[in-house]
N, C-alpha and C. Protein backbone atom coordinates (compact mmCIF):
# COMPACT_ATOMS: atom_id res chain seq x y z
N MET A 1 -2.35 3.86 -33.30
CA MET A 1 -3.50 5.03 -34.35
C MET A 1 -3.79 6.28 -33.49
N ASP A 2 -3.50 7.43 -33.79
CA ASP A 2 -3.73 8.34 -32.74
C ASP A 2 -4.60 8.94 -33.57
N ILE A 3 -5.17 8.90 -32.30
CA ILE A 3 -6.72 9.72 -32.62
C ILE A 3 -6.66 11.74 -32.61
N PHE A 4 -5.85 12.54 -32.31
CA PHE A 4 -5.58 13.31 -33.14
C PHE A 4 -4.97 13.52 -34.46
N GLN A 5 -5.05 12.56 -35.05
CA GLN A 5 -4.38 12.73 -36.79
C GLN A 5 -5.59 13.54 -37.32
N GLY A 6 -4.53 14.54 -38.24
CA GLY A 6 -5.36 15.25 -38.74
C GLY A 6 -6.04 16.62 -38.31
N ILE A 7 -5.69 16.33 -36.75
CA ILE A 7 -6.50 17.66 -35.67
C ILE A 7 -5.59 18.36 -35.50
N THR A 8 -4.12 18.27 -35.73
CA THR A 8 -3.66 19.38 -34.73
C THR A 8 -1.72 18.04 -35.23
N ASN A 9 -0.87 18.93 -35.41
CA ASN A 9 0.79 18.79 -35.51
C ASN A 9 1.11 19.07 -34.59
N ILE A 10 0.97 18.96 -33.69
CA ILE A 10 2.12 18.96 -32.55
C ILE A 10 3.26 18.20 -31.87
N ASP A 11 3.30 18.18 -31.86
CA ASP A 11 4.72 17.21 -31.18
C ASP A 11 5.14 17.73 -29.66
N TRP A 12 4.47 17.17 -29.00
CA TRP A 12 4.75 18.00 -27.01
C TRP A 12 6.00 16.79 -27.13
N GLY A 13 6.52 16.01 -27.66
CA GLY A 13 7.91 15.34 -26.91
C GLY A 13 7.91 14.59 -26.06
N PHE A 14 6.60 13.71 -25.89
CA PHE A 14 6.43 13.04 -24.87
C PHE A 14 5.15 12.56 -25.08
N ASN A 15 5.12 10.76 -24.46
CA ASN A 15 3.71 10.12 -24.71
C ASN A 15 3.07 9.37 -23.57
N ALA A 16 2.08 9.03 -24.07
CA ALA A 16 1.57 8.42 -22.46
C ALA A 16 2.13 7.39 -21.85
N ALA A 17 3.00 6.98 -22.67
CA ALA A 17 3.85 5.53 -21.44
C ALA A 17 4.90 6.45 -20.85
N ASP A 18 5.31 7.47 -21.25
CA ASP A 18 6.97 8.62 -20.45
C ASP A 18 5.98 8.87 -19.45
N ILE A 19 4.51 9.56 -19.39
CA ILE A 19 3.95 9.87 -18.43
C ILE A 19 4.15 8.80 -16.94
N PHE A 20 3.58 7.88 -17.56
CA PHE A 20 2.92 6.50 -16.47
C PHE A 20 3.87 6.08 -16.18
N SER A 21 5.71 6.18 -16.92
CA SER A 21 6.71 5.77 -16.13
C SER A 21 7.29 7.01 -15.25
N ASN A 22 7.03 8.17 -15.12
CA ASN A 22 7.53 8.94 -14.43
C ASN A 22 5.84 9.13 -13.59
N GLY A 23 5.46 8.70 -13.43
CA GLY A 23 4.50 8.63 -12.74
C GLY A 23 4.88 7.78 -11.07
N MET A 24 5.18 6.55 -11.68
CA MET A 24 5.74 5.51 -11.10
C MET A 24 6.30 5.58 -10.38
N PHE A 25 7.27 5.89 -11.11
CA PHE A 25 8.79 6.68 -10.19
C PHE A 25 8.68 7.56 -9.17
N LEU A 26 7.70 8.74 -9.58
CA LEU A 26 7.15 9.64 -8.03
C LEU A 26 7.18 8.46 -7.34
N VAL A 27 5.92 7.49 -7.47
CA VAL A 27 5.17 7.04 -6.23
C VAL A 27 6.04 5.84 -5.92
N GLY A 28 7.04 5.58 -6.50
CA GLY A 28 8.42 4.53 -5.94
C GLY A 28 9.19 5.44 -4.90
N SER A 29 9.14 6.97 -5.17
CA SER A 29 9.99 7.26 -4.05
C SER A 29 9.06 7.41 -2.80
N VAL A 30 8.08 8.11 -3.29
CA VAL A 30 7.50 8.09 -2.11
C VAL A 30 6.89 7.33 -1.87
N ALA A 31 6.98 6.14 -1.73
CA ALA A 31 6.52 5.13 -1.16
C ALA A 31 8.46 4.46 0.43
N ALA A 32 9.06 5.04 -0.59
CA ALA A 32 10.28 4.13 0.48
C ALA A 32 9.94 5.26 1.98
N PHE A 33 9.71 6.37 1.51
CA PHE A 33 9.47 7.65 2.55
C PHE A 33 8.12 7.27 3.55
N VAL A 34 7.03 6.65 2.96
CA VAL A 34 5.99 6.67 3.64
C VAL A 34 6.82 4.89 4.67
N LEU A 35 7.32 3.99 3.98
CA LEU A 35 7.74 3.05 4.83
C LEU A 35 8.46 3.27 5.70
N LEU A 36 9.49 4.30 5.54
CA LEU A 36 10.54 4.76 6.57
C LEU A 36 9.66 5.14 7.99
N GLY A 37 8.64 6.19 7.81
CA GLY A 37 7.81 6.40 8.37
C GLY A 37 6.99 5.66 9.25
N LEU A 38 6.62 4.65 8.81
CA LEU A 38 5.80 3.50 9.58
C LEU A 38 6.72 2.98 10.34
N ALA A 39 8.18 2.44 9.78
CA ALA A 39 9.00 1.51 10.63
C ALA A 39 9.34 2.78 12.23
N ILE A 40 9.39 3.97 11.65
CA ILE A 40 10.09 4.88 12.95
C ILE A 40 8.39 4.83 14.22
N ALA A 41 7.74 4.52 13.42
CA ALA A 41 6.44 4.97 14.29
C ALA A 41 6.73 3.66 14.44
N TYR A 42 6.22 2.15 14.58
CA TYR A 42 6.77 1.07 14.97
C TYR A 42 7.44 -0.07 15.70
N VAL A 43 8.68 0.69 15.42
CA VAL A 43 9.99 -0.27 16.03
C VAL A 43 10.19 0.09 17.51
N PRO A 44 9.52 1.25 18.25
CA PRO A 44 9.25 0.89 19.48
C PRO A 44 8.71 0.07 20.15
N LYS A 45 7.69 0.23 19.24
CA LYS A 45 6.53 -1.18 19.93
C LYS A 45 6.61 -2.06 19.78
N LEU A 46 7.28 -1.73 18.70
CA LEU A 46 7.95 -3.57 19.17
C LEU A 46 9.07 -3.87 20.19
N ILE A 47 9.58 -3.78 19.88
CA ILE A 47 11.47 -3.28 21.27
C ILE A 47 10.53 -3.52 22.77
N GLY A 48 9.22 -2.70 22.80
CA GLY A 48 8.83 -2.59 23.80
C GLY A 48 7.91 -4.45 23.90
N ILE A 49 7.49 -4.63 23.26
CA ILE A 49 6.79 -6.08 23.38
C ILE A 49 7.87 -6.92 23.41
N ILE A 50 9.08 -6.87 22.85
CA ILE A 50 9.62 -8.06 22.56
C ILE A 50 10.31 -8.34 24.47
N ARG A 51 10.92 -6.51 24.45
CA ARG A 51 11.40 -6.41 25.93
C ARG A 51 10.76 -7.15 26.89
N THR A 52 9.51 -6.94 27.23
CA THR A 52 8.58 -7.64 28.17
C THR A 52 8.12 -8.88 28.22
N ALA A 53 8.58 -9.56 26.82
CA ALA A 53 8.36 -10.72 26.63
C ALA A 53 9.78 -11.54 27.31
N VAL A 54 10.36 -11.29 26.89
CA VAL A 54 11.88 -11.55 27.14
C VAL A 54 12.01 -11.45 28.48
N ALA A 55 11.54 -10.55 29.13
CA ALA A 55 11.20 -10.11 30.94
C ALA A 55 10.64 -11.02 31.80
N SER A 56 9.19 -10.75 31.16
CA SER A 56 8.37 -12.13 31.51
C SER A 56 8.85 -13.32 32.04
N ARG A 57 9.56 -13.76 30.55
CA ARG A 57 9.93 -15.16 30.29
C ARG A 57 11.11 -15.31 31.38
N SER A 58 12.05 -14.44 31.89
CA SER A 58 13.59 -14.94 32.40
C SER A 58 13.07 -14.81 33.97
N LYS A 59 11.46 -14.41 34.08
CA LYS A 59 10.88 -14.54 35.95
C LYS A 59 11.02 -15.53 36.35
C-alpha cells in the first residue's frame, strides 16, 4: 500500500529498500577503514606485550 496514492504521481525511481541497501553498503565500506585504523593503533601495543612476555619467559 502506497501512503501517497492519489496525492502525487511522481516516480522517484527508487524505494526505501534501495536507500537502505545503499546505506548499509556505505556503513560496510566505512567499517573496513575503522577496523584498519584500530588495527594500526593496537598492533604495536600487542607486539610489545608479546615481546615482553617472551623476554621475561626466556630469562
